[in-house]
């Protein structure tokens, strides 16, 4: 059975009318299989997004989809008066059995969304205005979900941003050194160990638990083709309880140094202050209404911590023999680790200026 025929069969399990015209792989994600599906409806082609959930990463797809259904329903209710409301929130297409997803004969989990036209994502930021719009959109996402009623959302990946546990995992692989690589990563290991005092700061700061996205890469916001506005936050698989600062920190990590995550020329890595300023201004435009004083005081630190944490994860995987992240060359995970730690150093060098900016915006 061809993949194309399989996708065609899967789409018929969802509440979509019209003639199926075809499907093509879509986007740049590495976790789920994503397709743009086209149907002929009322004389015009209409697009949808079909995704196969990677249940090797997300062990409980049912809980994950319950989270997404609750979150998208709540967001839709928040923007219902907006003339452009259908483009502001992802809209799930129900399966024909009225569930939010379809489980095929092979045990694969599928979901479908309406396609949001006139917008696109960007893998790398191209301007400070784009950074501002992305941060504003993520702040608005958190702000609207601050009123999500109980019960608490499911943890789709438990301890995802638990930096102390990430540090402990690193210590364990250093001791085991199963791949014999510790000697090759001595400088990176020394850097990681020297920053141990960072790992518990946010967890010890008595910050409130929020509904957070937990994967705030720049390319997880749709920007309007005409206005450039941040329209809609996408990729909701990791939406779960967390700290608001995890989201802002990952924005800093993925946006302020617009280079490849595995860039070997470390002279190209650096925190660009204008991009950080755009992120802070955009985020606070939306998030100021609910952030506590303690959360605002830790905005800069969050960028440093989440970047450090990702470096820990790459280094841990390198020392363990590349068991989690896909690698395409020898030392790939070590290269990734080095870019993260170089960015941490760049943030540290500009930390006072960054804190000064945040304080000035509190006035």
Protein backbone atom coordinates (compact mmCIF):
# COMPACT_ATOMS: atom_id res chain seq x y z
CA UNK A 1 0.00 0.00 0.00
CA UNK A 2 1.53 3.32 -1.02
CA UNK A 3 1.89 6.17 1.44
CA UNK A 4 -0.30 8.32 -0.84
CA UNK A 5 -3.09 5.74 -0.84
CA UNK A 6 -2.76 5.38 2.92
CA UNK A 7 -3.16 9.15 3.44
CA UNK A 8 -6.16 9.14 1.14
CA UNK A 9 -7.78 6.39 3.20
CA UNK A 10 -7.04 8.17 6.47
CA UNK A 11 -8.58 11.44 5.32
CA UNK A 12 -11.88 9.66 4.65
CA UNK A 13 -12.10 8.90 8.36
CA UNK A 14 -12.61 12.63 9.07
CA UNK A 15 -15.69 14.82 8.70
CA UNK A 16 -14.74 16.35 5.35
CA UNK A 17 -16.98 16.53 2.31
CA UNK A 18 -15.91 16.79 -1.30
CA UNK A 19 -13.51 15.00 -3.60
CA UNK A 20 -10.02 14.12 -2.36
CA UNK A 21 -7.47 15.67 -4.74
CA UNK A 22 -4.17 14.71 -3.13
CA UNK A 23 -1.66 15.25 -0.33
CA UNK A 24 1.95 16.41 -0.08
CA UNK A 25 4.41 16.40 2.85
CA UNK A 26 4.29 19.75 4.63
CA UNK A 27 6.48 21.81 6.94
CA UNK A 28 9.91 21.28 8.48
CA UNK A 29 8.99 19.42 11.67
CA UNK A 30 11.01 16.36 12.73
CA UNK A 31 8.60 14.65 15.14
CA UNK A 32 5.23 14.06 13.47
CA UNK A 33 4.42 13.22 9.83
CA UNK A 34 2.57 16.21 8.38
CA UNK A 35 0.68 16.52 5.09
CA UNK A 36 -1.20 19.26 3.31
CA UNK A 37 -4.37 17.58 2.04
CA UNK A 38 -6.55 19.12 -0.69
CA UNK A 39 -10.26 18.49 -1.23
CA UNK A 40 -12.52 19.82 -3.97
CA UNK A 41 -15.42 21.56 -2.24
CA UNK A 42 -18.12 23.68 -3.90
CA UNK A 43 -15.98 24.13 -6.97
CA UNK A 44 -12.78 25.25 -5.22
CA UNK A 45 -9.77 23.43 -3.73
CA UNK A 46 -9.75 23.55 0.09
CA UNK A 47 -6.68 22.65 2.13
CA UNK A 48 -6.36 20.82 5.44
CA UNK A 49 -3.43 19.74 7.60
CA UNK A 50 -3.21 16.02 8.40
CA UNK A 51 -0.73 14.75 10.99
CA UNK A 52 0.36 11.38 12.25
CA UNK A 53 1.28 11.76 15.93
CA UNK A 54 4.63 10.21 16.78
CA UNK A 55 3.57 7.92 19.62
CA UNK A 56 7.18 6.90 20.26
CA UNK A 57 7.80 10.45 21.54
CA UNK A 58 4.31 11.15 22.87
CA UNK A 59 3.48 8.02 24.83
CA UNK A 60 -0.14 8.96 25.55
CA UNK A 61 -1.73 10.41 22.38
CA UNK A 62 -5.20 10.29 23.95
CA UNK A 63 -4.16 12.61 26.78
CA UNK A 64 -2.28 14.81 24.32
CA UNK A 65 -5.35 15.22 22.12
CA UNK A 66 -7.56 15.89 25.14
CA UNK A 67 -5.20 18.77 26.00
CA UNK A 68 -5.31 20.14 22.44
CA UNK A 69 -9.09 19.89 22.24
CA UNK A 70 -9.53 21.77 25.53
CA UNK A 71 -6.96 24.42 24.64
CA UNK A 72 -8.20 25.11 21.10
CA UNK A 73 -11.83 25.24 22.28
CA UNK A 74 -10.92 27.72 25.01
CA UNK A 75 -8.88 29.88 22.64
CA UNK A 76 -11.68 29.87 20.06
CA UNK A 77 -14.12 31.14 22.67
CA UNK A 78 -11.69 33.95 23.51
CA UNK A 79 -11.45 35.25 19.93
CA UNK A 80 -15.01 34.59 18.74
CA UNK A 81 -15.73 38.31 18.33
CA UNK A 82 -12.63 38.87 16.18
CA UNK A 83 -13.58 39.24 12.48
CA UNK A 84 -10.56 37.06 11.66
CA UNK A 85 -11.24 34.51 14.40
CA UNK A 86 -10.95 31.45 12.15
CA UNK A 87 -7.28 32.28 11.49
CA UNK A 88 -6.38 33.02 15.12
CA UNK A 89 -6.72 29.47 16.48
CA UNK A 90 -6.14 25.97 15.17
CA UNK A 91 -9.45 24.22 14.44
CA UNK A 92 -9.65 20.44 14.78
CA UNK A 93 -11.68 18.42 12.28
CA UNK A 94 -13.51 15.62 14.14
CA UNK A 95 -13.27 12.02 13.00
CA UNK A 96 -16.41 10.37 11.64
CA UNK A 97 -16.80 8.43 14.88
CA UNK A 98 -16.94 11.86 16.63
CA UNK A 99 -13.56 11.46 18.30
CA UNK A 100 -10.86 14.12 17.95
CA UNK A 101 -8.55 11.74 16.10
CA UNK A 102 -8.50 8.54 14.06
CA UNK A 103 -6.60 5.40 15.02
CA UNK A 104 -5.81 3.29 11.96
CA UNK A 105 -5.45 -0.48 11.69
CA UNK A 106 -1.71 -0.23 12.33
CA UNK A 107 -2.15 1.65 15.60
CA UNK A 108 -1.19 5.06 14.18
CA UNK A 109 -2.87 8.15 15.61
CA UNK A 110 -4.04 10.80 13.14
CA UNK A 111 -5.53 14.28 13.54
CA UNK A 112 -6.68 16.93 11.11
CA UNK A 113 -6.83 20.73 11.26
CA UNK A 114 -8.30 23.41 9.02
CA UNK A 115 -5.56 25.07 6.96
CA UNK A 116 -4.91 28.71 7.86
CA UNK A 117 -4.37 30.47 4.56
CA UNK A 118 -2.57 33.71 3.85
CA UNK A 119 0.09 32.99 6.44
CA UNK A 120 3.32 31.11 6.86
CA UNK A 121 6.03 30.16 9.32
CA UNK A 122 9.70 31.09 9.01
CA UNK A 123 12.51 28.80 10.09
CA UNK A 124 14.72 31.79 10.94
CA UNK A 125 13.79 35.30 12.01
CA UNK A 126 14.36 37.93 9.34
CA UNK A 127 13.68 41.17 11.23
CA UNK A 128 13.09 42.65 14.67
CA UNK A 129 9.44 43.18 13.70
CA UNK A 130 9.02 39.45 13.13
CA UNK A 131 10.59 38.76 16.53
CA UNK A 132 8.20 41.26 18.15
CA UNK A 133 5.17 39.66 16.49
CA UNK A 134 6.16 36.12 17.45
CA UNK A 135 6.72 37.06 21.09
CA UNK A 136 3.47 39.01 21.17
CA UNK A 137 1.62 35.96 19.82
CA UNK A 138 3.13 33.62 22.41
CA UNK A 139 2.36 36.11 25.18
CA UNK A 140 -1.22 36.37 23.98
CA UNK A 141 -1.43 32.57 23.87
CA UNK A 142 -0.40 32.36 27.55
CA UNK A 143 -2.66 35.26 28.51
CA UNK A 144 -5.76 33.69 26.95
CA UNK A 145 -5.03 30.32 28.55
CA UNK A 146 -4.58 31.86 32.01
CA UNK A 147 -8.36 31.50 32.36
CA UNK A 148 -8.51 27.85 31.28
CA UNK A 149 -10.80 26.12 33.79
CA UNK A 150 -9.83 23.06 35.79
CA UNK A 151 -8.90 20.24 35.68
CA UNK A 152 -5.15 20.62 35.18
CA UNK A 153 -3.87 19.67 31.71
CA UNK A 154 -2.03 16.39 31.26
CA UNK A 155 1.79 16.37 31.27
CA UNK A 156 2.50 15.15 27.73
CA UNK A 157 6.24 14.87 28.46
CA UNK A 158 6.81 14.78 32.25
CA UNK A 159 9.75 16.88 33.54
CA UNK A 160 10.32 18.34 30.08
CA UNK A 161 11.95 21.50 31.46
CA UNK A 162 13.18 20.06 34.77
CA UNK A 163 16.75 21.37 34.55
CA UNK A 164 17.98 19.64 37.75
CA UNK A 165 16.94 16.27 36.29
CA UNK A 166 18.65 17.13 33.00
CA UNK A 167 21.82 17.95 34.97
CA UNK A 168 21.63 14.67 36.90
CA UNK A 169 21.24 12.78 33.62
CA UNK A 170 24.41 14.46 32.37
CA UNK A 171 26.34 13.50 35.50
CA UNK A 172 25.27 9.89 35.02
CA UNK A 173 26.44 9.67 31.40
CA UNK A 174 29.74 11.36 32.29
CA UNK A 175 30.36 8.66 34.89
CA UNK A 176 29.28 5.81 32.61
CA UNK A 177 31.00 7.17 29.48
CA UNK A 178 29.57 4.28 27.48
CA UNK A 179 30.70 5.72 24.14
CA UNK A 180 34.18 6.68 25.34
CA UNK A 181 33.60 10.29 24.37
CA UNK A 182 34.08 12.16 27.67
CA UNK A 183 37.69 12.97 26.79
CA UNK A 184 36.51 14.55 23.50
CA UNK A 185 34.03 16.79 25.31
CA UNK A 186 36.11 17.84 28.30
CA UNK A 187 35.71 21.56 27.65
CA UNK A 188 31.93 21.26 27.29
CA UNK A 189 31.67 19.04 30.38
CA UNK A 190 33.67 21.56 32.39
CA UNK A 191 31.39 24.38 31.20
CA UNK A 192 28.26 22.42 32.13
CA UNK A 193 29.53 21.53 35.61
CA UNK A 194 30.73 25.09 36.27
CA UNK A 195 27.16 26.35 35.76
CA UNK A 196 25.46 23.90 38.11
CA UNK A 197 24.26 26.72 40.39
CA UNK A 198 21.81 27.77 37.65
CA UNK A 199 19.78 24.61 37.47
CA UNK A 200 17.31 25.13 40.35
CA UNK A 201 16.90 28.91 40.26
CA UNK A 202 13.50 29.01 38.52
CA UNK A 203 12.14 26.03 40.43
CA UNK A 204 13.20 27.68 43.70
CA UNK A 205 11.74 31.09 42.81
CA UNK A 206 8.17 30.20 43.83
CA UNK A 207 6.77 31.08 40.41
CA UNK A 208 3.14 30.26 39.55
CA UNK A 209 2.30 27.31 37.35
CA UNK A 210 0.83 28.36 34.01
CA UNK A 211 -0.51 26.75 30.86
CA UNK A 212 2.52 26.95 28.59
CA UNK A 213 3.47 25.95 25.05
CA UNK A 214 6.91 24.52 25.92
CA UNK A 215 8.25 24.60 22.35
CA UNK A 216 8.31 28.27 21.43
CA UNK A 217 10.59 28.08 18.43
CA UNK A 218 10.17 31.02 16.10
CA UNK A 219 8.69 28.73 13.44
CA UNK A 220 5.79 27.77 15.69
CA UNK A 221 3.97 31.03 14.99
CA UNK A 222 2.07 31.73 11.77
CA UNK A 223 2.72 35.27 10.49
CA UNK A 224 0.17 36.97 8.24
CA UNK A 225 1.42 37.27 4.64
CA UNK A 226 0.10 40.83 4.20
CA UNK A 227 0.46 42.48 7.60
CA UNK A 228 3.24 40.39 9.16
CA UNK A 229 1.15 40.05 12.32
CA UNK A 230 1.62 37.01 14.53
CA UNK A 231 -1.66 35.26 13.84
CA UNK A 232 -1.71 31.85 15.43
CA UNK A 233 0.48 29.65 17.61
CA UNK A 234 0.87 26.14 16.19
CA UNK A 235 2.41 22.79 17.20
CA UNK A 236 0.46 22.27 20.42
CA UNK A 237 1.74 18.80 21.33
CA UNK A 238 3.71 20.04 24.34
CA UNK A 239 1.07 22.44 25.70
CA UNK A 240 0.89 21.50 29.38
CA UNK A 241 1.43 22.97 32.84
CA UNK A 242 4.75 24.77 33.25
CA UNK A 243 6.41 28.09 33.96
CA UNK A 244 5.69 31.06 31.69
CA UNK A 245 9.42 31.72 31.67
CA UNK A 246 10.14 28.39 29.98
CA UNK A 247 8.35 29.74 26.92
CA UNK A 248 10.05 33.13 26.95
CA UNK A 249 13.42 31.49 27.58
CA UNK A 250 13.05 29.21 24.56
CA UNK A 251 12.08 32.21 22.43
CA UNK A 252 15.37 33.86 23.43
CA UNK A 253 17.28 30.65 22.68
CA UNK A 254 15.81 30.07 19.23
CA UNK A 255 15.38 33.64 17.97
CA UNK A 256 18.19 35.90 19.18
CA UNK A 257 21.03 34.09 17.38
CA UNK A 258 19.65 33.37 13.90
CA UNK A 259 22.13 30.70 12.89
CA UNK A 260 21.83 26.95 12.42
CA UNK A 261 21.60 24.96 15.64
CA UNK A 262 24.61 22.90 14.52
CA UNK A 263 26.74 25.81 13.22
CA UNK A 264 30.41 24.86 13.48
CA UNK A 265 31.77 28.42 13.16
CA UNK A 266 31.16 29.60 16.72
CA UNK A 267 32.17 33.15 15.81
CA UNK A 268 28.74 33.41 14.15
CA UNK A 269 26.94 32.59 17.42
CA UNK A 270 25.85 35.50 19.56
CA UNK A 271 22.83 37.02 21.27
CA UNK A 272 21.68 39.91 19.08
CA UNK A 273 20.45 42.59 21.47
CA UNK A 274 17.98 44.22 19.02
CA UNK A 275 16.24 40.86 18.59
CA UNK A 276 16.11 40.37 22.38
CA UNK A 277 14.63 43.84 22.80
CA UNK A 278 11.97 43.04 20.20
CA UNK A 279 11.12 39.79 22.02
CA UNK A 280 10.79 41.51 25.40
CA UNK A 281 8.64 44.32 24.05
CA UNK A 282 6.41 41.95 22.09
CA UNK A 283 6.01 39.47 24.93
CA UNK A 284 5.24 42.12 27.55
CA UNK A 285 2.70 43.74 25.23
CA UNK A 286 0.57 40.63 25.72
CA UNK A 287 1.80 39.11 28.98
CA UNK A 288 2.14 42.11 31.29
CA UNK A 289 -1.43 41.71 32.49
CA UNK A 290 -0.76 38.41 34.25
CA UNK A 291 2.99 38.17 34.94
CA UNK A 292 4.10 38.51 38.55
CA UNK A 293 7.00 40.73 39.60
CA UNK A 294 9.15 37.63 40.18
CA UNK A 295 8.42 36.33 36.68
CA UNK A 296 9.44 39.64 35.11
CA UNK A 297 12.62 39.74 37.18
CA UNK A 298 13.67 36.35 35.80
CA UNK A 299 12.98 37.00 32.09
CA UNK A 300 16.65 37.42 31.19
CA UNK A 301 17.76 34.51 33.35
CA UNK A 302 15.16 32.30 31.67
CA UNK A 303 16.80 32.83 28.29
CA UNK A 304 20.16 31.81 29.71
CA UNK A 305 18.76 28.80 31.57
CA UNK A 306 16.76 27.27 28.72
CA UNK A 307 19.73 27.69 26.36
CA UNK A 308 21.98 26.01 28.93
CA UNK A 309 19.42 23.24 29.44
CA UNK A 310 19.30 22.49 25.71
CA UNK A 311 23.08 22.37 25.69
CA UNK A 312 22.92 19.83 28.53
CA UNK A 313 20.54 17.69 26.48
CA UNK A 314 22.77 17.70 23.40
CA UNK A 315 25.86 16.95 25.49
CA UNK A 316 24.09 14.14 27.36
CA UNK A 317 23.00 12.54 24.09
CA UNK A 318 26.50 12.85 22.63
CA UNK A 319 28.07 11.12 25.64
CA UNK A 320 25.36 8.44 25.64
CA UNK A 321 26.13 7.54 22.02
CA UNK A 322 23.51 9.62 20.13
CA UNK A 323 20.44 7.71 21.26
CA UNK A 324 17.79 10.49 21.16
CA UNK A 325 18.49 13.15 18.53
CA UNK A 326 19.02 12.23 14.90
CA UNK A 327 22.63 12.86 13.86
CA UNK A 328 24.02 13.27 10.36
CA UNK A 329 27.75 13.39 11.04
CA UNK A 330 30.34 12.44 13.62
CA UNK A 331 30.15 14.78 16.61
CA UNK A 332 26.86 16.31 15.46
CA UNK A 333 25.39 16.51 18.97
CA UNK A 334 28.62 17.97 20.30
CA UNK A 335 28.46 20.70 17.65
CA UNK A 336 24.89 21.42 18.73
CA UNK A 337 25.96 21.58 22.36
CA UNK A 338 28.74 24.03 21.53
CA UNK A 339 26.35 26.48 19.84
CA UNK A 340 24.13 26.47 22.93
CA UNK A 341 26.97 27.03 25.37
CA UNK A 342 28.41 29.79 23.16
CA UNK A 343 25.02 31.51 23.25
CA UNK A 344 24.94 31.17 27.05
CA UNK A 345 28.30 32.96 27.17
CA UNK A 346 27.00 35.71 24.89
CA UNK A 347 23.95 36.21 27.11
CA UNK A 348 26.17 36.37 30.19
CA UNK A 349 28.27 39.08 28.57
CA UNK A 350 25.16 41.20 27.92
CA UNK A 351 23.12 40.25 30.97
CA UNK A 352 23.34 43.61 32.74
CA UNK A 353 22.17 45.48 29.64
CA UNK A 354 19.34 42.99 29.11
CA UNK A 355 18.19 43.32 32.74
CA UNK A 356 18.33 47.09 32.41
CA UNK A 357 16.00 46.94 29.43
CA UNK A 358 13.47 44.77 31.27
CA UNK A 359 13.54 47.09 34.29
CA UNK A 360 13.02 50.14 32.08
CA UNK A 361 9.91 48.54 30.60
CA UNK A 362 8.44 48.05 34.08
CA UNK A 363 8.27 51.81 34.67
